[in-house]
N, C-alpha and C. Protein backbone atom coordinates (compact mmCIF):
# COMPACT_ATOMS: atom_id res chain seq x y z
N MET A 1 33.76 19.35 8.30
CA MET A 1 33.38 18.08 8.90
C MET A 1 32.48 17.30 7.95
N ASN A 2 32.67 16.02 7.85
CA ASN A 2 31.87 15.15 6.99
C ASN A 2 30.47 15.00 7.56
N GLN A 3 29.42 15.23 6.74
CA GLN A 3 28.04 15.17 7.21
C GLN A 3 27.63 13.77 7.63
N THR A 4 28.25 12.73 7.09
CA THR A 4 27.84 11.38 7.42
C THR A 4 28.37 10.93 8.78
N THR A 5 29.36 11.62 9.33
CA THR A 5 29.89 11.27 10.63
C THR A 5 29.06 11.93 11.71
N PRO A 6 28.34 11.12 12.53
CA PRO A 6 27.52 11.73 13.57
C PRO A 6 28.37 12.38 14.65
N THR A 7 27.90 13.51 15.13
CA THR A 7 28.55 14.20 16.22
C THR A 7 27.74 13.92 17.47
N PRO A 8 28.35 13.39 18.52
CA PRO A 8 27.58 13.07 19.73
C PRO A 8 26.84 14.32 20.24
N GLY A 9 25.55 14.17 20.49
CA GLY A 9 24.75 15.27 21.02
C GLY A 9 24.29 16.27 19.97
N ALA A 10 24.74 16.12 18.72
CA ALA A 10 24.33 17.04 17.66
C ALA A 10 22.88 16.78 17.29
N LEU A 11 22.15 17.85 17.06
CA LEU A 11 20.74 17.73 16.69
C LEU A 11 20.62 17.39 15.21
N ARG A 12 19.77 16.43 14.90
CA ARG A 12 19.53 15.99 13.54
C ARG A 12 18.04 16.15 13.26
N GLU A 13 17.69 16.70 12.10
CA GLU A 13 16.29 16.85 11.74
C GLU A 13 15.89 15.77 10.75
N LEU A 14 14.74 15.16 11.02
CA LEU A 14 14.22 14.08 10.20
C LEU A 14 12.78 14.40 9.81
N ILE A 15 12.39 13.98 8.61
CA ILE A 15 11.00 14.12 8.18
C ILE A 15 10.36 12.75 8.32
N SER A 16 9.26 12.69 9.08
CA SER A 16 8.58 11.40 9.25
C SER A 16 7.38 11.35 8.31
N PHE A 17 7.06 10.13 7.89
CA PHE A 17 5.95 9.91 6.96
C PHE A 17 5.35 8.54 7.21
N ARG A 18 4.15 8.35 6.69
CA ARG A 18 3.45 7.08 6.86
C ARG A 18 3.38 6.30 5.55
N ILE A 19 3.50 4.99 5.69
CA ILE A 19 3.20 4.04 4.63
C ILE A 19 2.31 3.00 5.29
N GLY A 20 1.03 3.02 4.95
CA GLY A 20 0.06 2.16 5.65
C GLY A 20 0.01 2.57 7.11
N ALA A 21 0.13 1.60 8.01
CA ALA A 21 0.08 1.88 9.45
C ALA A 21 1.47 2.14 10.03
N GLN A 22 2.51 2.02 9.21
CA GLN A 22 3.89 2.15 9.69
C GLN A 22 4.40 3.58 9.51
N GLU A 23 5.29 3.98 10.42
CA GLU A 23 5.92 5.31 10.30
C GLU A 23 7.40 5.14 10.01
N PHE A 24 7.89 5.97 9.11
CA PHE A 24 9.29 5.98 8.72
C PHE A 24 9.78 7.41 8.75
N CYS A 25 11.10 7.59 8.65
CA CYS A 25 11.64 8.94 8.53
C CYS A 25 12.92 8.89 7.71
N VAL A 26 13.27 10.05 7.16
CA VAL A 26 14.51 10.23 6.41
C VAL A 26 15.15 11.53 6.87
N ASP A 27 16.43 11.65 6.65
CA ASP A 27 17.16 12.86 7.01
C ASP A 27 16.64 14.03 6.17
N ILE A 28 16.33 15.13 6.81
CA ILE A 28 15.77 16.30 6.11
C ILE A 28 16.75 16.86 5.08
N MET A 29 18.05 16.60 5.27
CA MET A 29 19.05 17.11 4.33
C MET A 29 18.97 16.40 2.97
N ASP A 30 18.32 15.23 2.92
CA ASP A 30 18.15 14.49 1.67
C ASP A 30 16.90 14.94 0.90
N VAL A 31 16.03 15.72 1.56
CA VAL A 31 14.74 16.10 0.97
C VAL A 31 14.85 17.47 0.31
N ARG A 32 14.41 17.53 -0.95
CA ARG A 32 14.41 18.80 -1.68
C ARG A 32 13.07 19.50 -1.56
N GLU A 33 11.97 18.74 -1.66
CA GLU A 33 10.63 19.31 -1.55
C GLU A 33 9.63 18.21 -1.32
N ILE A 34 8.43 18.61 -0.93
CA ILE A 34 7.31 17.70 -0.74
C ILE A 34 6.18 18.23 -1.60
N ARG A 35 5.57 17.36 -2.40
CA ARG A 35 4.51 17.80 -3.31
C ARG A 35 3.38 16.79 -3.33
N GLY A 36 2.23 17.23 -3.78
CA GLY A 36 1.08 16.34 -3.89
C GLY A 36 1.27 15.34 -5.02
N TRP A 37 0.44 14.30 -5.00
CA TRP A 37 0.53 13.25 -6.00
C TRP A 37 0.19 13.79 -7.38
N THR A 38 0.98 13.41 -8.35
CA THR A 38 0.75 13.70 -9.76
C THR A 38 0.83 12.36 -10.48
N ALA A 39 -0.12 12.09 -11.36
CA ALA A 39 -0.10 10.82 -12.10
C ALA A 39 1.22 10.67 -12.86
N ALA A 40 1.79 9.49 -12.79
CA ALA A 40 3.08 9.22 -13.43
C ALA A 40 2.88 8.48 -14.75
N THR A 41 3.79 8.72 -15.68
CA THR A 41 3.81 8.00 -16.95
C THR A 41 4.64 6.74 -16.76
N ALA A 42 4.03 5.59 -16.99
CA ALA A 42 4.71 4.31 -16.79
C ALA A 42 5.88 4.16 -17.75
N LEU A 43 6.90 3.48 -17.29
CA LEU A 43 8.07 3.17 -18.13
C LEU A 43 8.09 1.67 -18.40
N PRO A 44 8.24 1.26 -19.65
CA PRO A 44 8.30 -0.18 -19.95
C PRO A 44 9.54 -0.81 -19.32
N GLN A 45 9.39 -2.07 -18.91
CA GLN A 45 10.49 -2.87 -18.37
C GLN A 45 11.11 -2.30 -17.09
N SER A 46 10.39 -1.42 -16.38
CA SER A 46 10.94 -0.88 -15.14
C SER A 46 10.58 -1.81 -13.98
N PRO A 47 11.36 -1.76 -12.89
CA PRO A 47 11.04 -2.60 -11.73
C PRO A 47 9.63 -2.30 -11.22
N ALA A 48 9.01 -3.27 -10.55
CA ALA A 48 7.63 -3.14 -10.07
C ALA A 48 7.45 -1.95 -9.11
N PHE A 49 8.51 -1.58 -8.39
CA PHE A 49 8.38 -0.48 -7.43
C PHE A 49 8.51 0.91 -8.07
N VAL A 50 8.82 0.97 -9.36
CA VAL A 50 8.90 2.25 -10.06
C VAL A 50 7.54 2.54 -10.68
N LYS A 51 6.86 3.58 -10.17
CA LYS A 51 5.52 3.95 -10.66
C LYS A 51 5.58 4.55 -12.05
N GLY A 52 6.72 5.17 -12.39
CA GLY A 52 6.88 5.84 -13.67
C GLY A 52 7.66 7.11 -13.48
N VAL A 53 7.40 8.09 -14.35
CA VAL A 53 8.10 9.38 -14.28
C VAL A 53 7.09 10.51 -14.36
N ILE A 54 7.47 11.66 -13.79
CA ILE A 54 6.66 12.88 -13.92
C ILE A 54 7.58 14.00 -14.38
N ASN A 55 6.98 15.07 -14.86
CA ASN A 55 7.72 16.26 -15.26
C ASN A 55 7.77 17.19 -14.05
N LEU A 56 8.97 17.44 -13.56
CA LEU A 56 9.15 18.36 -12.43
C LEU A 56 9.92 19.57 -12.94
N ARG A 57 9.18 20.60 -13.29
CA ARG A 57 9.76 21.84 -13.81
C ARG A 57 10.76 21.58 -14.93
N GLY A 58 10.35 20.76 -15.89
CA GLY A 58 11.18 20.49 -17.06
C GLY A 58 12.15 19.33 -16.90
N ALA A 59 12.26 18.77 -15.71
CA ALA A 59 13.16 17.63 -15.49
C ALA A 59 12.32 16.36 -15.32
N VAL A 60 12.84 15.25 -15.82
CA VAL A 60 12.17 13.96 -15.68
C VAL A 60 12.50 13.41 -14.29
N LEU A 61 11.44 13.15 -13.50
CA LEU A 61 11.62 12.67 -12.13
C LEU A 61 11.03 11.26 -11.99
N PRO A 62 11.89 10.24 -11.74
CA PRO A 62 11.37 8.90 -11.52
C PRO A 62 10.64 8.84 -10.18
N ILE A 63 9.50 8.10 -10.14
CA ILE A 63 8.72 7.98 -8.92
C ILE A 63 8.83 6.54 -8.41
N VAL A 64 9.33 6.38 -7.18
CA VAL A 64 9.48 5.08 -6.54
C VAL A 64 8.36 4.92 -5.52
N ASP A 65 7.59 3.84 -5.65
CA ASP A 65 6.58 3.49 -4.67
C ASP A 65 7.33 2.91 -3.48
N LEU A 66 7.49 3.72 -2.42
CA LEU A 66 8.32 3.30 -1.30
C LEU A 66 7.72 2.09 -0.59
N ALA A 67 6.39 1.96 -0.57
CA ALA A 67 5.77 0.78 0.04
C ALA A 67 6.22 -0.48 -0.68
N ALA A 68 6.13 -0.48 -2.01
CA ALA A 68 6.54 -1.65 -2.79
C ALA A 68 8.04 -1.91 -2.63
N ARG A 69 8.84 -0.85 -2.61
CA ARG A 69 10.30 -1.01 -2.49
C ARG A 69 10.69 -1.62 -1.16
N LEU A 70 9.93 -1.30 -0.11
CA LEU A 70 10.25 -1.83 1.21
C LEU A 70 9.62 -3.19 1.47
N GLY A 71 8.91 -3.73 0.45
CA GLY A 71 8.35 -5.06 0.58
C GLY A 71 6.91 -5.10 1.07
N PHE A 72 6.26 -3.96 1.18
CA PHE A 72 4.85 -3.91 1.56
C PHE A 72 4.00 -3.98 0.29
N GLU A 73 2.70 -4.08 0.48
CA GLU A 73 1.80 -4.08 -0.66
C GLU A 73 1.89 -2.72 -1.36
N SER A 74 1.91 -2.74 -2.68
CA SER A 74 2.02 -1.52 -3.48
C SER A 74 0.87 -0.57 -3.18
N SER A 75 1.17 0.72 -3.17
CA SER A 75 0.16 1.72 -2.87
C SER A 75 -0.81 1.89 -4.02
N GLU A 76 -2.10 1.97 -3.70
CA GLU A 76 -3.12 2.34 -4.68
C GLU A 76 -3.21 3.86 -4.58
N THR A 77 -2.71 4.57 -5.56
CA THR A 77 -2.55 6.02 -5.44
C THR A 77 -3.88 6.77 -5.43
N SER A 78 -3.86 7.88 -4.68
CA SER A 78 -5.01 8.78 -4.62
C SER A 78 -4.48 10.20 -4.44
N ASP A 79 -5.38 11.17 -4.46
CA ASP A 79 -4.98 12.57 -4.29
C ASP A 79 -4.37 12.83 -2.93
N ARG A 80 -4.58 11.92 -1.98
CA ARG A 80 -4.03 12.12 -0.63
C ARG A 80 -2.57 11.72 -0.53
N HIS A 81 -2.07 10.99 -1.50
CA HIS A 81 -0.67 10.57 -1.47
C HIS A 81 0.25 11.77 -1.68
N VAL A 82 1.49 11.60 -1.26
CA VAL A 82 2.48 12.67 -1.31
C VAL A 82 3.75 12.13 -1.96
N ILE A 83 4.42 13.01 -2.70
CA ILE A 83 5.72 12.67 -3.27
C ILE A 83 6.78 13.47 -2.52
N ILE A 84 7.73 12.75 -1.92
CA ILE A 84 8.89 13.39 -1.29
C ILE A 84 9.99 13.39 -2.34
N VAL A 85 10.38 14.57 -2.79
CA VAL A 85 11.45 14.69 -3.78
C VAL A 85 12.77 14.68 -3.00
N ALA A 86 13.58 13.65 -3.26
CA ALA A 86 14.81 13.46 -2.49
C ALA A 86 16.02 13.32 -3.39
N GLN A 87 17.16 13.68 -2.84
CA GLN A 87 18.45 13.54 -3.54
C GLN A 87 19.08 12.25 -3.02
N ILE A 88 19.34 11.31 -3.95
CA ILE A 88 20.01 10.06 -3.60
C ILE A 88 21.27 10.01 -4.44
N GLY A 89 22.39 10.32 -3.84
CA GLY A 89 23.65 10.43 -4.58
C GLY A 89 23.52 11.56 -5.58
N GLU A 90 23.74 11.26 -6.86
CA GLU A 90 23.62 12.27 -7.92
C GLU A 90 22.21 12.31 -8.50
N GLN A 91 21.36 11.35 -8.12
CA GLN A 91 20.02 11.20 -8.69
C GLN A 91 18.96 11.88 -7.82
N VAL A 92 18.03 12.58 -8.47
CA VAL A 92 16.86 13.13 -7.78
C VAL A 92 15.71 12.19 -8.09
N VAL A 93 14.98 11.79 -7.06
CA VAL A 93 13.92 10.81 -7.22
C VAL A 93 12.71 11.22 -6.37
N GLY A 94 11.52 10.84 -6.82
CA GLY A 94 10.31 11.08 -6.05
C GLY A 94 9.93 9.82 -5.30
N LEU A 95 9.67 9.94 -4.00
CA LEU A 95 9.29 8.80 -3.18
C LEU A 95 7.80 8.91 -2.86
N LEU A 96 7.02 7.96 -3.32
CA LEU A 96 5.58 7.96 -3.07
C LEU A 96 5.30 7.42 -1.68
N VAL A 97 4.65 8.23 -0.83
CA VAL A 97 4.28 7.82 0.52
C VAL A 97 2.82 8.20 0.76
N ASP A 98 2.22 7.64 1.82
CA ASP A 98 0.82 7.93 2.12
C ASP A 98 0.62 9.35 2.63
N ALA A 99 1.49 9.79 3.53
CA ALA A 99 1.36 11.14 4.09
C ALA A 99 2.63 11.51 4.84
N VAL A 100 2.96 12.79 4.86
CA VAL A 100 4.07 13.29 5.67
C VAL A 100 3.48 13.65 7.03
N SER A 101 4.14 13.20 8.10
CA SER A 101 3.59 13.37 9.43
C SER A 101 4.17 14.54 10.21
N ASP A 102 5.50 14.65 10.21
CA ASP A 102 6.15 15.49 11.21
C ASP A 102 7.58 15.83 10.80
N ILE A 103 8.13 16.84 11.44
CA ILE A 103 9.57 17.09 11.39
C ILE A 103 10.08 16.83 12.80
N LEU A 104 11.03 15.92 12.93
CA LEU A 104 11.55 15.52 14.23
C LEU A 104 12.95 16.07 14.41
N SER A 105 13.22 16.60 15.58
CA SER A 105 14.58 17.02 15.93
C SER A 105 15.08 16.06 17.00
N VAL A 106 16.08 15.27 16.66
CA VAL A 106 16.59 14.25 17.58
C VAL A 106 18.11 14.30 17.62
N THR A 107 18.67 13.73 18.67
CA THR A 107 20.12 13.53 18.73
C THR A 107 20.38 12.07 18.39
N ASP A 108 21.59 11.76 17.96
CA ASP A 108 21.93 10.40 17.52
C ASP A 108 21.74 9.36 18.62
N ASP A 109 21.84 9.76 19.90
CA ASP A 109 21.68 8.78 20.97
C ASP A 109 20.24 8.28 21.11
N VAL A 110 19.27 8.95 20.47
CA VAL A 110 17.87 8.52 20.49
C VAL A 110 17.64 7.40 19.48
N ILE A 111 18.50 7.32 18.46
CA ILE A 111 18.34 6.34 17.39
C ILE A 111 18.92 5.00 17.85
N GLN A 112 18.04 3.99 17.93
CA GLN A 112 18.43 2.64 18.36
C GLN A 112 18.85 1.83 17.14
N PRO A 113 19.78 0.89 17.30
CA PRO A 113 20.18 0.07 16.15
C PRO A 113 19.04 -0.84 15.70
N THR A 114 19.07 -1.24 14.44
CA THR A 114 18.09 -2.18 13.90
C THR A 114 18.29 -3.52 14.60
N PRO A 115 17.22 -4.12 15.12
CA PRO A 115 17.37 -5.39 15.86
C PRO A 115 17.95 -6.50 14.99
N GLU A 116 18.68 -7.40 15.60
CA GLU A 116 19.30 -8.52 14.88
C GLU A 116 18.26 -9.47 14.30
N VAL A 117 17.03 -9.47 14.83
CA VAL A 117 15.98 -10.36 14.32
C VAL A 117 15.39 -9.86 13.01
N ALA A 118 15.72 -8.64 12.61
CA ALA A 118 15.20 -8.09 11.35
C ALA A 118 15.80 -8.85 10.18
N SER A 119 15.03 -8.96 9.11
CA SER A 119 15.51 -9.64 7.91
C SER A 119 16.64 -8.83 7.26
N ASP A 120 17.38 -9.48 6.38
CA ASP A 120 18.45 -8.78 5.66
C ASP A 120 17.88 -7.65 4.82
N THR A 121 16.68 -7.87 4.24
CA THR A 121 16.04 -6.83 3.45
C THR A 121 15.74 -5.62 4.31
N ALA A 122 15.20 -5.85 5.50
CA ALA A 122 14.90 -4.74 6.41
C ALA A 122 16.18 -4.00 6.78
N LYS A 123 17.24 -4.74 7.07
CA LYS A 123 18.51 -4.10 7.44
C LYS A 123 19.11 -3.30 6.29
N THR A 124 18.79 -3.69 5.04
CA THR A 124 19.28 -2.96 3.88
C THR A 124 18.78 -1.53 3.89
N PHE A 125 17.52 -1.33 4.29
CA PHE A 125 16.90 -0.02 4.23
C PHE A 125 16.86 0.70 5.58
N VAL A 126 16.63 -0.02 6.65
CA VAL A 126 16.43 0.60 7.97
C VAL A 126 17.77 0.81 8.66
N ARG A 127 18.08 2.07 8.94
CA ARG A 127 19.35 2.44 9.58
C ARG A 127 19.25 2.50 11.10
N GLY A 128 18.02 2.49 11.61
CA GLY A 128 17.82 2.54 13.05
C GLY A 128 16.36 2.77 13.37
N LEU A 129 16.03 2.71 14.65
CA LEU A 129 14.66 2.90 15.10
C LEU A 129 14.60 4.00 16.15
N LEU A 130 13.53 4.78 16.11
CA LEU A 130 13.31 5.82 17.10
C LEU A 130 12.03 5.50 17.85
N ALA A 131 12.09 5.51 19.16
CA ALA A 131 10.89 5.35 19.99
C ALA A 131 10.61 6.73 20.57
N ILE A 132 9.63 7.43 19.97
CA ILE A 132 9.33 8.81 20.37
C ILE A 132 7.84 8.93 20.62
N GLU A 133 7.49 9.46 21.77
CA GLU A 133 6.09 9.74 22.11
C GLU A 133 5.18 8.54 21.86
N GLY A 134 5.63 7.36 22.23
CA GLY A 134 4.83 6.15 22.05
C GLY A 134 4.77 5.64 20.61
N ARG A 135 5.53 6.24 19.72
CA ARG A 135 5.57 5.83 18.31
C ARG A 135 6.90 5.14 18.04
N MET A 136 6.86 4.12 17.17
CA MET A 136 8.08 3.46 16.73
C MET A 136 8.29 3.86 15.28
N ILE A 137 9.38 4.58 15.00
CA ILE A 137 9.64 5.13 13.67
C ILE A 137 10.95 4.56 13.15
N SER A 138 10.91 4.01 11.94
CA SER A 138 12.11 3.44 11.31
C SER A 138 12.82 4.51 10.50
N LEU A 139 14.12 4.66 10.73
CA LEU A 139 14.95 5.59 9.98
C LEU A 139 15.44 4.89 8.71
N ILE A 140 15.04 5.43 7.56
CA ILE A 140 15.38 4.82 6.26
C ILE A 140 16.66 5.46 5.71
N GLY A 141 17.57 4.62 5.24
CA GLY A 141 18.74 5.09 4.52
C GLY A 141 18.42 5.09 3.03
N LEU A 142 18.39 6.24 2.41
CA LEU A 142 17.95 6.34 1.02
C LEU A 142 18.95 5.78 0.01
N GLU A 143 20.19 5.59 0.41
CA GLU A 143 21.20 5.15 -0.55
C GLU A 143 20.91 3.78 -1.16
N ARG A 144 20.05 2.95 -0.54
CA ARG A 144 19.73 1.63 -1.08
C ARG A 144 18.35 1.57 -1.73
N VAL A 145 17.62 2.69 -1.75
CA VAL A 145 16.27 2.69 -2.32
C VAL A 145 16.30 2.42 -3.82
N LEU A 146 17.25 3.02 -4.52
CA LEU A 146 17.43 2.75 -5.94
C LEU A 146 18.48 1.67 -6.10
N PRO A 147 18.17 0.62 -6.87
CA PRO A 147 19.21 -0.40 -7.11
C PRO A 147 20.34 0.19 -7.93
N ASP A 148 21.51 -0.41 -7.83
CA ASP A 148 22.70 0.08 -8.53
C ASP A 148 22.48 0.20 -10.04
N VAL A 149 21.70 -0.70 -10.63
CA VAL A 149 21.45 -0.68 -12.07
C VAL A 149 20.74 0.63 -12.45
N VAL A 150 19.74 1.02 -11.65
CA VAL A 150 19.00 2.26 -11.94
C VAL A 150 19.92 3.46 -11.76
N LEU A 151 20.77 3.44 -10.73
CA LEU A 151 21.69 4.56 -10.50
C LEU A 151 22.69 4.69 -11.65
N GLU A 152 23.17 3.57 -12.16
CA GLU A 152 24.14 3.60 -13.26
C GLU A 152 23.51 4.13 -14.55
N ALA A 153 22.23 3.84 -14.76
CA ALA A 153 21.55 4.26 -15.97
C ALA A 153 21.21 5.75 -15.95
N ALA A 154 21.18 6.33 -14.77
CA ALA A 154 20.78 7.75 -14.63
C ALA A 154 21.85 8.68 -15.12
């Protein structure tokens, strides 16, 4: 069975995290590991949302400031920040977030569609919304986090 095809009533696990006051989540199957912040080496001529690269066990890992990529103010990094190491297509990338909050187990019927009033940019990244325990959590689709140019260069 294709993993991208939702099965009605099937349980899906998501990792939720914070960026500022907002909560987001991604599919746990896209996450390889979660690690503390490590200073990144800047890359010349890279997009503003790319913090740089780090050495992850001998591999070069690009770090994307998810706040900046989603259109929020860029994160001022500290030791409290977290890097979510995720697989996006063939590329492994580090996503800089403020903190990892939770692991959520939900069924697809809990995920609400992105409202029509959302901007095109929001719809590019947000695949749906979850209203859980009084929290509103946006489900992020990682396939659009890296622009096609960066994916082709990898």
